[in-house]
Every structure is written in structure tokens, then in C-alpha cells.
Amino acid sequence: MSKKKEFYTFRGYTIKEYKRELTASMEDYLEMIYRLSQDEGYTRINELASAVNVQPSSASKMVQKLTEADFLKYEKYSIIKLTEKGNEMGSFLLKRHNTIESFLKHIGVTEGILEDTEKIEHNISNHTMERIAALVKLFDNHPEVLRLLENF
């Protein structure tokens, strides 16, 4: 007999399949800190708060959580720096974001790309992400494939 696949609600899959060290909000903050730190190697609370459209006190609370999880080095009223772990995760998160955004553009999505990217990136398995990345690479290397999509 074949084994019957278990069915879960969306929330059930999220809990079962995608248990992560970071919440979606933590991922967003870490990705933004990674982006903001690219030039100078650090960022500041006010710059981060402005970039994610929150009050500095909210950004500070999240930075404290990320510091406790060893993604950041931060002392109150000082600069925010990524640890090695934070740098690796930030790089992964930005790559994931850019890959999904590129995929959506390739398939002709023209409205709400940022919103759709945000919704997808926090709810996708690594395996599915790898397959999307392979498609993006195919589209980039073979634009004639994209022209076939224009007929649909």
C-alpha cells in the first residue's frame, strides 16, 4: 500500500515545514540591516527605522532580539553591525528576495511586485526556492524562453 500524504492547513505547513530561527519580521529587519550595511559595514537605529517605516523604539526592540540571537553586535546608542552569522543570513535573505522579484518580473508581473515578493519569500521552502532560482537563471541565459511566455 502507498503511504497517504498528510494534509495540513497553511498554518500547519508553516509550523511543520518552515520552522525557522527567525520570524518573517526578523527576516525583514535582518535583510534591511544587511542592505544598509553594505557601504560602511554598519547602520544605525534611525536609519533602520526609516528604511522599514517604524518608530526607532520598535527598531531598537527588534535589533535587541537579533543581537540576542547572535545575528548582530549592538550596544545601546551605538552602531549596528552584523556578526558572521548575521552576514551570512542577510546575504541569503537578500538573494532570496532578489531571486523571487526577478522571477515575478520575468513571468510578466507588473503590479504589486514588492508586496508579492514579501508574501512569497517568507512562505517558501528552500527546495522550491532553488527551483525558482534555476528558472531565473534559465530565463536570464535564454531570453527566447521568455518570448514563449508572451503568447500566453
N, C-alpha and C. Protein backbone atom coordinates (compact mmCIF):
# COMPACT_ATOMS: atom_id res chain seq x y z
N MET A 1 0.84 -1.19 0.00
CA MET A 1 0.00 0.00 0.00
C MET A 1 0.88 1.24 0.00
N SER A 2 0.38 2.25 -0.68
CA SER A 2 1.13 3.50 -0.69
C SER A 2 0.79 4.30 0.56
N LYS A 3 1.78 5.02 1.01
CA LYS A 3 1.57 5.84 2.20
C LYS A 3 0.79 7.08 1.82
N LYS A 4 -0.28 7.34 2.53
CA LYS A 4 -1.11 8.51 2.27
C LYS A 4 -0.39 9.76 2.77
N LYS A 5 -0.33 10.78 1.92
CA LYS A 5 0.31 12.04 2.31
C LYS A 5 -0.60 12.76 3.30
N GLU A 6 0.05 13.33 4.30
CA GLU A 6 -0.71 14.07 5.30
C GLU A 6 -1.04 15.45 4.78
N PHE A 7 -2.22 15.92 5.09
CA PHE A 7 -2.65 17.26 4.71
C PHE A 7 -2.63 18.16 5.93
N TYR A 8 -2.16 19.38 5.72
CA TYR A 8 -2.16 20.38 6.78
C TYR A 8 -2.79 21.66 6.24
N THR A 9 -3.31 22.46 7.13
CA THR A 9 -3.73 23.80 6.73
C THR A 9 -2.46 24.59 6.44
N PHE A 10 -2.62 25.78 5.86
CA PHE A 10 -1.46 26.62 5.57
C PHE A 10 -0.64 26.84 6.83
N ARG A 11 -1.32 27.16 7.93
CA ARG A 11 -0.61 27.39 9.18
C ARG A 11 0.12 26.13 9.63
N GLY A 12 -0.49 25.00 9.43
CA GLY A 12 0.14 23.73 9.80
C GLY A 12 1.40 23.48 9.01
N TYR A 13 1.36 23.75 7.72
CA TYR A 13 2.56 23.62 6.91
C TYR A 13 3.62 24.60 7.37
N THR A 14 3.19 25.80 7.67
CA THR A 14 4.14 26.82 8.11
C THR A 14 4.85 26.36 9.37
N ILE A 15 4.10 25.81 10.30
CA ILE A 15 4.71 25.35 11.55
C ILE A 15 5.56 24.12 11.32
N LYS A 16 5.04 23.15 10.57
CA LYS A 16 5.75 21.88 10.36
C LYS A 16 6.95 22.02 9.44
N GLU A 17 6.77 22.63 8.29
CA GLU A 17 7.78 22.65 7.26
C GLU A 17 8.79 23.78 7.40
N TYR A 18 8.35 24.89 7.92
CA TYR A 18 9.20 26.06 7.85
C TYR A 18 9.62 26.59 9.22
N LYS A 19 9.78 25.69 10.15
CA LYS A 19 10.26 26.14 11.46
C LYS A 19 11.59 26.80 11.24
N ARG A 20 11.69 28.04 11.63
CA ARG A 20 12.90 28.80 11.41
C ARG A 20 13.31 29.47 12.71
N GLU A 21 14.54 29.85 12.72
CA GLU A 21 15.05 30.59 13.87
C GLU A 21 14.48 32.00 13.87
N LEU A 22 14.15 32.51 12.70
CA LEU A 22 13.69 33.88 12.56
C LEU A 22 12.23 33.95 12.15
N THR A 23 11.51 34.93 12.69
CA THR A 23 10.16 35.21 12.23
C THR A 23 10.27 36.00 10.91
N ALA A 24 9.17 36.16 10.21
CA ALA A 24 9.17 36.94 8.97
C ALA A 24 9.62 38.38 9.25
N SER A 25 9.18 38.94 10.35
CA SER A 25 9.58 40.30 10.69
C SER A 25 11.08 40.38 10.97
N MET A 26 11.60 39.40 11.69
CA MET A 26 13.04 39.38 11.96
C MET A 26 13.83 39.27 10.66
N GLU A 27 13.32 38.45 9.74
CA GLU A 27 13.98 38.32 8.44
C GLU A 27 14.00 39.67 7.71
N ASP A 28 12.88 40.37 7.73
CA ASP A 28 12.81 41.68 7.06
C ASP A 28 13.82 42.66 7.64
N TYR A 29 13.90 42.70 8.94
CA TYR A 29 14.86 43.60 9.59
C TYR A 29 16.29 43.20 9.24
N LEU A 30 16.59 41.92 9.31
CA LEU A 30 17.95 41.46 9.04
C LEU A 30 18.34 41.73 7.59
N GLU A 31 17.40 41.50 6.69
CA GLU A 31 17.67 41.80 5.27
C GLU A 31 17.95 43.29 5.09
N MET A 32 17.17 44.13 5.74
CA MET A 32 17.37 45.58 5.61
C MET A 32 18.68 46.01 6.25
N ILE A 33 19.02 45.46 7.38
CA ILE A 33 20.30 45.79 8.02
C ILE A 33 21.44 45.39 7.09
N TYR A 34 21.31 44.24 6.46
CA TYR A 34 22.33 43.80 5.51
C TYR A 34 22.46 44.80 4.36
N ARG A 35 21.33 45.22 3.81
CA ARG A 35 21.35 46.20 2.71
C ARG A 35 22.00 47.52 3.15
N LEU A 36 21.58 48.01 4.32
CA LEU A 36 22.07 49.31 4.80
C LEU A 36 23.55 49.27 5.20
N SER A 37 24.04 48.09 5.53
CA SER A 37 25.42 47.96 5.99
C SER A 37 26.42 47.76 4.85
N GLN A 38 25.95 47.63 3.65
CA GLN A 38 26.84 47.29 2.54
C GLN A 38 27.96 48.30 2.33
N ASP A 39 27.67 49.58 2.41
CA ASP A 39 28.69 50.59 2.13
C ASP A 39 29.67 50.80 3.28
N GLU A 40 29.18 51.00 4.47
CA GLU A 40 30.04 51.37 5.59
C GLU A 40 30.32 50.23 6.57
N GLY A 41 29.63 49.09 6.38
CA GLY A 41 29.83 47.97 7.29
C GLY A 41 28.99 48.04 8.55
N TYR A 42 28.13 49.03 8.64
CA TYR A 42 27.25 49.18 9.79
C TYR A 42 26.08 50.08 9.41
N THR A 43 25.10 50.14 10.30
CA THR A 43 23.99 51.07 10.16
C THR A 43 23.62 51.56 11.56
N ARG A 44 22.64 52.42 11.62
CA ARG A 44 22.19 52.99 12.91
C ARG A 44 20.68 52.79 13.05
N ILE A 45 20.21 52.86 14.27
CA ILE A 45 18.78 52.65 14.57
C ILE A 45 17.89 53.58 13.75
N ASN A 46 18.19 54.86 13.72
CA ASN A 46 17.33 55.81 13.00
C ASN A 46 17.28 55.51 11.51
N GLU A 47 18.41 55.12 10.93
CA GLU A 47 18.45 54.77 9.52
C GLU A 47 17.62 53.52 9.26
N LEU A 48 17.74 52.53 10.13
CA LEU A 48 16.97 51.30 10.01
C LEU A 48 15.48 51.57 10.17
N ALA A 49 15.12 52.32 11.20
CA ALA A 49 13.70 52.63 11.45
C ALA A 49 13.08 53.32 10.24
N SER A 50 13.80 54.26 9.67
CA SER A 50 13.31 54.97 8.49
C SER A 50 13.14 54.02 7.31
N ALA A 51 14.09 53.12 7.13
CA ALA A 51 14.04 52.20 5.99
C ALA A 51 12.89 51.20 6.07
N VAL A 52 12.52 50.80 7.29
CA VAL A 52 11.42 49.83 7.44
C VAL A 52 10.12 50.49 7.90
N ASN A 53 10.12 51.82 7.93
CA ASN A 53 8.92 52.60 8.24
C ASN A 53 8.32 52.30 9.61
N VAL A 54 9.19 52.30 10.63
CA VAL A 54 8.72 52.12 12.01
C VAL A 54 9.36 53.18 12.89
N GLN A 55 8.90 53.28 14.12
CA GLN A 55 9.50 54.18 15.09
C GLN A 55 10.84 53.61 15.55
N PRO A 56 11.80 54.48 15.88
CA PRO A 56 13.10 53.99 16.36
C PRO A 56 12.99 53.03 17.55
N SER A 57 12.01 53.24 18.42
CA SER A 57 11.86 52.33 19.57
C SER A 57 11.51 50.91 19.12
N SER A 58 10.69 50.79 18.08
CA SER A 58 10.36 49.46 17.55
C SER A 58 11.57 48.81 16.91
N ALA A 59 12.32 49.59 16.15
CA ALA A 59 13.53 49.07 15.52
C ALA A 59 14.52 48.62 16.59
N SER A 60 14.63 49.38 17.65
CA SER A 60 15.56 49.06 18.73
C SER A 60 15.20 47.74 19.39
N LYS A 61 13.91 47.49 19.61
CA LYS A 61 13.47 46.22 20.21
C LYS A 61 13.85 45.04 19.32
N MET A 62 13.65 45.19 18.01
CA MET A 62 13.98 44.11 17.10
C MET A 62 15.49 43.90 17.03
N VAL A 63 16.24 44.97 17.03
CA VAL A 63 17.70 44.86 17.00
C VAL A 63 18.18 44.12 18.25
N GLN A 64 17.56 44.37 19.38
CA GLN A 64 17.93 43.66 20.60
C GLN A 64 17.67 42.17 20.46
N LYS A 65 16.53 41.79 19.87
CA LYS A 65 16.22 40.37 19.66
C LYS A 65 17.25 39.72 18.73
N LEU A 66 17.59 40.43 17.66
CA LEU A 66 18.56 39.88 16.70
C LEU A 66 19.96 39.80 17.31
N THR A 67 20.25 40.71 18.21
CA THR A 67 21.54 40.68 18.92
C THR A 67 21.58 39.47 19.85
N GLU A 68 20.48 39.23 20.56
CA GLU A 68 20.41 38.07 21.46
C GLU A 68 20.52 36.75 20.70
N ALA A 69 20.08 36.74 19.43
CA ALA A 69 20.15 35.53 18.60
C ALA A 69 21.49 35.44 17.87
N ASP A 70 22.41 36.34 18.18
CA ASP A 70 23.77 36.34 17.63
C ASP A 70 23.84 36.69 16.13
N PHE A 71 22.88 37.47 15.65
CA PHE A 71 22.95 37.93 14.27
C PHE A 71 23.60 39.32 14.18
N LEU A 72 23.58 40.05 15.29
CA LEU A 72 24.08 41.42 15.31
C LEU A 72 24.97 41.66 16.51
N LYS A 73 25.79 42.72 16.37
CA LYS A 73 26.52 43.29 17.50
C LYS A 73 25.96 44.70 17.66
N TYR A 74 25.43 44.97 18.86
CA TYR A 74 24.82 46.28 19.09
C TYR A 74 24.86 46.62 20.56
N GLU A 75 25.25 47.84 20.83
CA GLU A 75 25.15 48.39 22.17
C GLU A 75 24.30 49.64 22.07
N LYS A 76 23.45 49.85 23.05
CA LYS A 76 22.53 50.98 23.04
C LYS A 76 23.24 52.27 22.65
N TYR A 77 22.60 53.03 21.74
CA TYR A 77 23.09 54.31 21.23
C TYR A 77 24.36 54.18 20.40
N SER A 78 24.62 53.00 19.88
CA SER A 78 25.81 52.78 19.07
C SER A 78 25.41 52.30 17.68
N ILE A 79 26.38 51.85 16.92
CA ILE A 79 26.12 51.35 15.58
C ILE A 79 25.66 49.90 15.62
N ILE A 80 25.03 49.48 14.55
CA ILE A 80 24.57 48.09 14.39
C ILE A 80 25.49 47.43 13.39
N LYS A 81 26.11 46.33 13.80
CA LYS A 81 26.98 45.58 12.91
C LYS A 81 26.50 44.13 12.84
N LEU A 82 26.65 43.53 11.69
CA LEU A 82 26.31 42.13 11.51
C LEU A 82 27.42 41.24 12.04
N THR A 83 27.06 40.15 12.70
CA THR A 83 28.04 39.12 13.05
C THR A 83 28.27 38.29 11.79
N GLU A 84 29.16 37.34 11.86
CA GLU A 84 29.37 36.45 10.71
C GLU A 84 28.07 35.71 10.37
N LYS A 85 27.41 35.23 11.41
CA LYS A 85 26.12 34.54 11.24
C LYS A 85 25.09 35.49 10.60
N GLY A 86 25.05 36.73 11.08
CA GLY A 86 24.12 37.72 10.54
C GLY A 86 24.43 38.08 9.10
N ASN A 87 25.70 38.17 8.79
CA ASN A 87 26.12 38.50 7.42
C ASN A 87 25.71 37.38 6.45
N GLU A 88 25.94 36.14 6.87
CA GLU A 88 25.56 35.00 6.03
C GLU A 88 24.05 34.96 5.81
N MET A 89 23.29 35.15 6.89
CA MET A 89 21.84 35.11 6.78
C MET A 89 21.33 36.30 5.97
N GLY A 90 21.88 37.48 6.20
CA GLY A 90 21.48 38.67 5.44
C GLY A 90 21.71 38.49 3.96
N SER A 91 22.86 37.93 3.61
CA SER A 91 23.17 37.67 2.20
C SER A 91 22.16 36.70 1.59
N PHE A 92 21.86 35.63 2.33
CA PHE A 92 20.86 34.66 1.87
C PHE A 92 19.49 35.32 1.67
N LEU A 93 19.08 36.13 2.65
CA LEU A 93 17.76 36.76 2.59
C LEU A 93 17.66 37.73 1.41
N LEU A 94 18.70 38.51 1.17
CA LEU A 94 18.68 39.45 0.04
C LEU A 94 18.68 38.69 -1.28
N LYS A 95 19.47 37.63 -1.37
CA LYS A 95 19.49 36.82 -2.60
C LYS A 95 18.12 36.21 -2.85
N ARG A 96 17.50 35.69 -1.80
CA ARG A 96 16.16 35.10 -1.93
C ARG A 96 15.17 36.14 -2.43
N HIS A 97 15.21 37.32 -1.81
CA HIS A 97 14.32 38.41 -2.20
C HIS A 97 14.52 38.78 -3.68
N ASN A 98 15.76 38.98 -4.06
CA ASN A 98 16.06 39.39 -5.44
C ASN A 98 15.68 38.32 -6.45
N THR A 99 15.86 37.06 -6.09
CA THR A 99 15.51 35.96 -6.99
C THR A 99 14.00 35.91 -7.22
N ILE A 100 13.23 36.02 -6.16
CA ILE A 100 11.77 36.00 -6.30
C ILE A 100 11.29 37.20 -7.09
N GLU A 101 11.82 38.38 -6.78
CA GLU A 101 11.45 39.59 -7.51
C GLU A 101 11.78 39.45 -9.00
N SER A 102 12.94 38.93 -9.30
CA SER A 102 13.34 38.73 -10.70
C SER A 102 12.42 37.73 -11.39
N PHE A 103 12.08 36.64 -10.70
CA PHE A 103 11.17 35.65 -11.25
C PHE A 103 9.82 36.27 -11.60
N LEU A 104 9.27 37.05 -10.68
CA LEU A 104 7.98 37.68 -10.94
C LEU A 104 8.04 38.62 -12.14
N LYS A 105 9.12 39.37 -12.25
CA LYS A 105 9.28 40.26 -13.41
C LYS A 105 9.38 39.45 -14.70
N HIS A 106 10.15 38.36 -14.66
CA HIS A 106 10.31 37.51 -15.84
C HIS A 106 8.98 36.94 -16.33
N ILE A 107 8.10 36.60 -15.41
CA ILE A 107 6.83 35.99 -15.84
C ILE A 107 5.75 37.03 -16.12
N GLY A 108 6.15 38.30 -16.11
CA GLY A 108 5.24 39.35 -16.54
C GLY A 108 4.45 40.06 -15.47
N VAL A 109 4.77 39.83 -14.22
CA VAL A 109 4.08 40.56 -13.15
C VAL A 109 4.55 42.00 -13.21
N THR A 110 3.61 42.93 -13.28
CA THR A 110 3.98 44.35 -13.39
C THR A 110 3.45 45.19 -12.23
N GLU A 111 2.50 44.69 -11.50
CA GLU A 111 1.93 45.44 -10.38
C GLU A 111 2.10 44.66 -9.08
N GLY A 112 2.40 45.38 -8.03
CA GLY A 112 2.48 44.76 -6.71
C GLY A 112 3.65 43.80 -6.54
N ILE A 113 4.72 44.00 -7.28
CA ILE A 113 5.84 43.06 -7.22
C ILE A 113 6.46 43.01 -5.83
N LEU A 114 6.68 44.16 -5.22
CA LEU A 114 7.29 44.17 -3.90
C LEU A 114 6.41 43.47 -2.87
N GLU A 115 5.12 43.75 -2.90
CA GLU A 115 4.19 43.11 -1.97
C GLU A 115 4.15 41.59 -2.18
N ASP A 116 4.07 41.17 -3.45
CA ASP A 116 4.04 39.74 -3.74
C ASP A 116 5.35 39.07 -3.33
N THR A 117 6.46 39.73 -3.59
CA THR A 117 7.76 39.18 -3.20
C THR A 117 7.81 38.98 -1.69
N GLU A 118 7.36 39.97 -0.94
CA GLU A 118 7.35 39.86 0.52
C GLU A 118 6.48 38.69 0.99
N LYS A 119 5.34 38.52 0.38
CA LYS A 119 4.43 37.44 0.78
C LYS A 119 5.03 36.08 0.48
N ILE A 120 5.66 35.97 -0.68
CA ILE A 120 6.22 34.68 -1.10
C ILE A 120 7.46 34.32 -0.30
N GLU A 121 8.37 35.27 -0.12
CA GLU A 121 9.68 34.95 0.43
C GLU A 121 9.64 34.36 1.84
N HIS A 122 8.62 34.67 2.60
CA HIS A 122 8.55 34.16 3.96
C HIS A 122 7.81 32.83 4.06
N ASN A 123 7.31 32.35 2.94
CA ASN A 123 6.48 31.15 2.96
C ASN A 123 6.90 30.13 1.91
N ILE A 124 8.16 30.12 1.58
CA ILE A 124 8.63 29.23 0.52
C ILE A 124 9.71 28.30 1.07
N SER A 125 9.67 27.05 0.66
CA SER A 125 10.69 26.10 1.12
C SER A 125 12.00 26.35 0.38
N ASN A 126 13.07 25.89 0.95
CA ASN A 126 14.38 26.05 0.30
C ASN A 126 14.41 25.31 -1.04
N HIS A 127 13.80 24.13 -1.08
CA HIS A 127 13.79 23.36 -2.34
C HIS A 127 13.07 24.13 -3.45
N THR A 128 11.90 24.66 -3.14
CA THR A 128 11.15 25.43 -4.13
C THR A 128 11.94 26.67 -4.54
N MET A 129 12.60 27.30 -3.57
CA MET A 129 13.42 28.47 -3.88
C MET A 129 14.55 28.11 -4.84
N GLU A 130 15.16 26.97 -4.64
CA GLU A 130 16.23 26.51 -5.54
C GLU A 130 15.70 26.31 -6.95
N ARG A 131 14.49 25.78 -7.07
CA ARG A 131 13.91 25.54 -8.40
C ARG A 131 13.58 26.87 -9.08
N ILE A 132 13.09 27.83 -8.33
CA ILE A 132 12.81 29.16 -8.89
C ILE A 132 14.11 29.82 -9.32
N ALA A 133 15.15 29.68 -8.53
CA ALA A 133 16.46 30.25 -8.89
C ALA A 133 16.97 29.63 -10.19
N ALA A 134 16.74 28.33 -10.37
CA ALA A 134 17.16 27.67 -11.61
C ALA A 134 16.37 28.23 -12.80
N LEU A 135 15.08 28.48 -12.60
CA LEU A 135 14.28 29.07 -13.67
C LEU A 135 14.75 30.48 -14.01
N VAL A 136 15.06 31.27 -13.01
CA VAL A 136 15.55 32.64 -13.24
C VAL A 136 16.84 32.58 -14.05
N LYS A 137 17.72 31.66 -13.68
CA LYS A 137 18.98 31.51 -14.42
C LYS A 137 18.70 31.11 -15.86
N LEU A 138 17.76 30.20 -16.07
CA LEU A 138 17.37 29.79 -17.42
C LEU A 138 16.84 30.99 -18.20
N PHE A 139 15.95 31.76 -17.59
CA PHE A 139 15.39 32.94 -18.25
C PHE A 139 16.47 33.97 -18.58
N ASP A 140 17.42 34.16 -17.65
CA ASP A 140 18.50 35.12 -17.89
C ASP A 140 19.40 34.68 -19.03
N ASN A 141 19.69 33.38 -19.09
CA ASN A 141 20.61 32.86 -20.11
C ASN A 141 19.95 32.56 -21.44
N HIS A 142 18.63 32.42 -21.44
CA HIS A 142 17.90 32.08 -22.66
C HIS A 142 16.64 32.94 -22.78
N PRO A 143 16.80 34.21 -23.13
CA PRO A 143 15.64 35.11 -23.20
C PRO A 143 14.58 34.66 -24.21
N GLU A 144 14.96 33.80 -25.13
CA GLU A 144 13.98 33.30 -26.09
C GLU A 144 12.88 32.49 -25.40
N VAL A 145 13.20 31.89 -24.26
CA VAL A 145 12.19 31.15 -23.48
C VAL A 145 11.13 32.12 -22.98
N LEU A 146 11.57 33.30 -22.58
CA LEU A 146 10.62 34.30 -22.10
C LEU A 146 9.69 34.77 -23.20
N ARG A 147 10.19 34.83 -24.41
CA ARG A 147 9.34 35.25 -25.53
C ARG A 147 8.19 34.27 -25.74
N LEU A 148 8.42 32.99 -25.41
CA LEU A 148 7.33 32.00 -25.50
C LEU A 148 6.22 32.33 -24.51
N LEU A 149 6.57 32.87 -23.35
CA LEU A 149 5.57 33.22 -22.35
C LEU A 149 4.67 34.37 -22.79
N GLU A 150 5.19 35.21 -23.67
CA GLU A 150 4.42 36.36 -24.13
C GLU A 150 3.15 35.95 -24.88
N ASN A 151 3.13 34.73 -25.39
CA ASN A 151 1.97 34.23 -26.14
C ASN A 151 0.85 33.74 -25.25
N PHE A 152 1.09 33.68 -23.96
CA PHE A 152 0.06 33.17 -23.04
C PHE A 152 -0.70 34.29 -22.41
